[in-house]
């Protein structure tokens, strides 16, 4: 249960950072921001593990976090392209 809550919190933060990086106004609510953050985290985390594997037992993976932001930014651009 705590894992789901943590995913929502981190997804929201990643979604906010991605919306801040992408220029222009994005008319997304809380739920869409969380979804963009979570999906971007999944995409970016996968790409991050291709570059560098986390150490066993490591709780925070820097490459995964940075690539989560990159994945969410790409997703925001894709959503903008699809909506217009």
C-alpha atoms as a PDB file:
ATOM      1  CA  UNK A   1       0.000   0.000   0.000  1.00  0.00           C
ATOM      2  CA  UNK A   2       2.800   2.409   0.888  1.00  0.00           C
ATOM      3  CA  UNK A   3       4.458   1.665  -2.455  1.00  0.00           C
ATOM      4  CA  UNK A   4       1.383   2.952  -4.324  1.00  0.00           C
ATOM      5  CA  UNK A   5       1.260   6.152  -2.263  1.00  0.00           C
ATOM      6  CA  UNK A   6       4.990   6.686  -2.789  1.00  0.00           C
ATOM      7  CA  UNK A   7       4.557   6.173  -6.567  1.00  0.00           C
ATOM      8  CA  UNK A   8       1.816   8.816  -6.649  1.00  0.00           C
ATOM      9  CA  UNK A   9       3.939  11.310  -4.705  1.00  0.00           C
ATOM     10  CA  UNK A  10       7.056  10.778  -6.836  1.00  0.00           C
ATOM     11  CA  UNK A  11       4.955  10.732 -10.021  1.00  0.00           C
ATOM     12  CA  UNK A  12       3.431  14.079  -9.090  1.00  0.00           C
ATOM     13  CA  UNK A  13       6.859  15.603  -8.435  1.00  0.00           C
ATOM     14  CA  UNK A  14       8.273  14.225 -11.699  1.00  0.00           C
ATOM     15  CA  UNK A  15       5.173  15.439 -13.576  1.00  0.00           C
ATOM     16  CA  UNK A  16       5.525  18.935 -12.102  1.00  0.00           C
ATOM     17  CA  UNK A  17       9.204  19.103 -13.045  1.00  0.00           C
ATOM     18  CA  UNK A  18       8.408  17.935 -16.586  1.00  0.00           C
ATOM     19  CA  UNK A  19       5.635  20.528 -16.940  1.00  0.00           C
ATOM     20  CA  UNK A  20       8.020  23.196 -15.645  1.00  0.00           C
ATOM     21  CA  UNK A  21      10.729  22.258 -18.170  1.00  0.00           C
ATOM     22  CA  UNK A  22       8.432  22.167 -21.210  1.00  0.00           C
ATOM     23  CA  UNK A  23       7.655  25.703 -22.409  1.00  0.00           C
ATOM     24  CA  UNK A  24       4.041  26.794 -22.793  1.00  0.00           C
ATOM     25  CA  UNK A  25       0.898  26.267 -20.789  1.00  0.00           C
ATOM     26  CA  UNK A  26      -0.248  22.720 -20.219  1.00  0.00           C
ATOM     27  CA  UNK A  27      -3.833  22.398 -19.074  1.00  0.00           C
ATOM     28  CA  UNK A  28      -3.523  19.244 -17.004  1.00  0.00           C
ATOM     29  CA  UNK A  29      -5.097  18.520 -13.693  1.00  0.00           C
ATOM     30  CA  UNK A  30      -3.626  16.713 -10.711  1.00  0.00           C
ATOM     31  CA  UNK A  31      -4.502  13.237 -11.986  1.00  0.00           C
ATOM     32  CA  UNK A  32      -3.033  13.808 -15.447  1.00  0.00           C
ATOM     33  CA  UNK A  33       0.143  15.273 -13.925  1.00  0.00           C
ATOM     34  CA  UNK A  34       0.498  12.172 -11.727  1.00  0.00           C
ATOM     35  CA  UNK A  35      -0.118   9.850 -14.692  1.00  0.00           C
ATOM     36  CA  UNK A  36       2.475  11.699 -16.816  1.00  0.00           C
ATOM     37  CA  UNK A  37       4.960  11.481 -13.939  1.00  0.00           C
ATOM     38  CA  UNK A  38       4.379   7.776 -13.286  1.00  0.00           C
ATOM     39  CA  UNK A  39       4.480   6.751 -16.957  1.00  0.00           C
ATOM     40  CA  UNK A  40       7.511   8.984 -17.531  1.00  0.00           C
ATOM     41  CA  UNK A  41       9.180   7.380 -14.530  1.00  0.00           C
ATOM     42  CA  UNK A  42       8.558   3.910 -15.898  1.00  0.00           C
ATOM     43  CA  UNK A  43       9.924   4.842 -19.326  1.00  0.00           C
ATOM     44  CA  UNK A  44      12.863   6.816 -17.957  1.00  0.00           C
ATOM     45  CA  UNK A  45      13.649   4.280 -15.252  1.00  0.00           C
ATOM     46  CA  UNK A  46      13.871   1.559 -17.865  1.00  0.00           C
ATOM     47  CA  UNK A  47      16.205   3.688 -19.982  1.00  0.00           C
ATOM     48  CA  UNK A  48      18.250   4.586 -16.879  1.00  0.00           C
ATOM     49  CA  UNK A  49      18.824   0.938 -16.008  1.00  0.00           C
ATOM     50  CA  UNK A  50      20.169   0.361 -19.515  1.00  0.00           C
ATOM     51  CA  UNK A  51      22.954   2.885 -18.813  1.00  0.00           C
ATOM     52  CA  UNK A  52      23.801   1.972 -15.231  1.00  0.00           C
ATOM     53  CA  UNK A  53      22.485  -0.787 -13.025  1.00  0.00           C
ATOM     54  CA  UNK A  54      21.745   0.203  -9.421  1.00  0.00           C
ATOM     55  CA  UNK A  55      23.802  -1.388  -6.678  1.00  0.00           C
ATOM     56  CA  UNK A  56      22.063  -4.252  -4.832  1.00  0.00           C
ATOM     57  CA  UNK A  57      19.992  -2.863  -1.953  1.00  0.00           C
ATOM     58  CA  UNK A  58      20.252   0.724  -3.176  1.00  0.00           C
ATOM     59  CA  UNK A  59      17.056   2.673  -2.441  1.00  0.00           C
ATOM     60  CA  UNK A  60      17.699   5.679  -4.734  1.00  0.00           C
ATOM     61  CA  UNK A  61      18.993   5.385  -8.295  1.00  0.00           C
ATOM     62  CA  UNK A  62      20.229   8.754  -9.598  1.00  0.00           C
ATOM     63  CA  UNK A  63      20.288   7.754 -13.263  1.00  0.00           C
ATOM     64  CA  UNK A  64      16.755   6.409 -12.932  1.00  0.00           C
ATOM     65  CA  UNK A  65      15.522   9.642 -11.348  1.00  0.00           C
ATOM     66  CA  UNK A  66      17.101  11.854 -14.010  1.00  0.00           C
ATOM     67  CA  UNK A  67      15.856   9.646 -16.811  1.00  0.00           C
ATOM     68  CA  UNK A  68      12.394   9.683 -15.218  1.00  0.00           C
ATOM     69  CA  UNK A  69      12.341  13.432 -15.746  1.00  0.00           C
ATOM     70  CA  UNK A  70      13.525  12.983 -19.338  1.00  0.00           C
ATOM     71  CA  UNK A  71      10.851  10.337 -19.951  1.00  0.00           C
ATOM     72  CA  UNK A  72       8.137  12.585 -18.514  1.00  0.00           C
ATOM     73  CA  UNK A  73       9.300  15.550 -20.647  1.00  0.00           C
ATOM     74  CA  UNK A  74       9.132  13.369 -23.760  1.00  0.00           C
ATOM     75  CA  UNK A  75       5.649  12.232 -22.741  1.00  0.00           C
ATOM     76  CA  UNK A  76       4.478  15.848 -22.251  1.00  0.00           C
ATOM     77  CA  UNK A  77       5.730  16.702 -25.752  1.00  0.00           C
ATOM     78  CA  UNK A  78       3.959  13.632 -27.178  1.00  0.00           C
ATOM     79  CA  UNK A  79       0.715  14.573 -25.421  1.00  0.00           C
ATOM     80  CA  UNK A  80       0.986  18.124 -26.770  1.00  0.00           C
ATOM     81  CA  UNK A  81       1.538  16.740 -30.291  1.00  0.00           C
ATOM     82  CA  UNK A  82      -1.453  14.383 -30.036  1.00  0.00           C
ATOM     83  CA  UNK A  83      -3.812  16.986 -28.561  1.00  0.00           C
ATOM     84  CA  UNK A  84      -3.126  19.641 -31.221  1.00  0.00           C
END
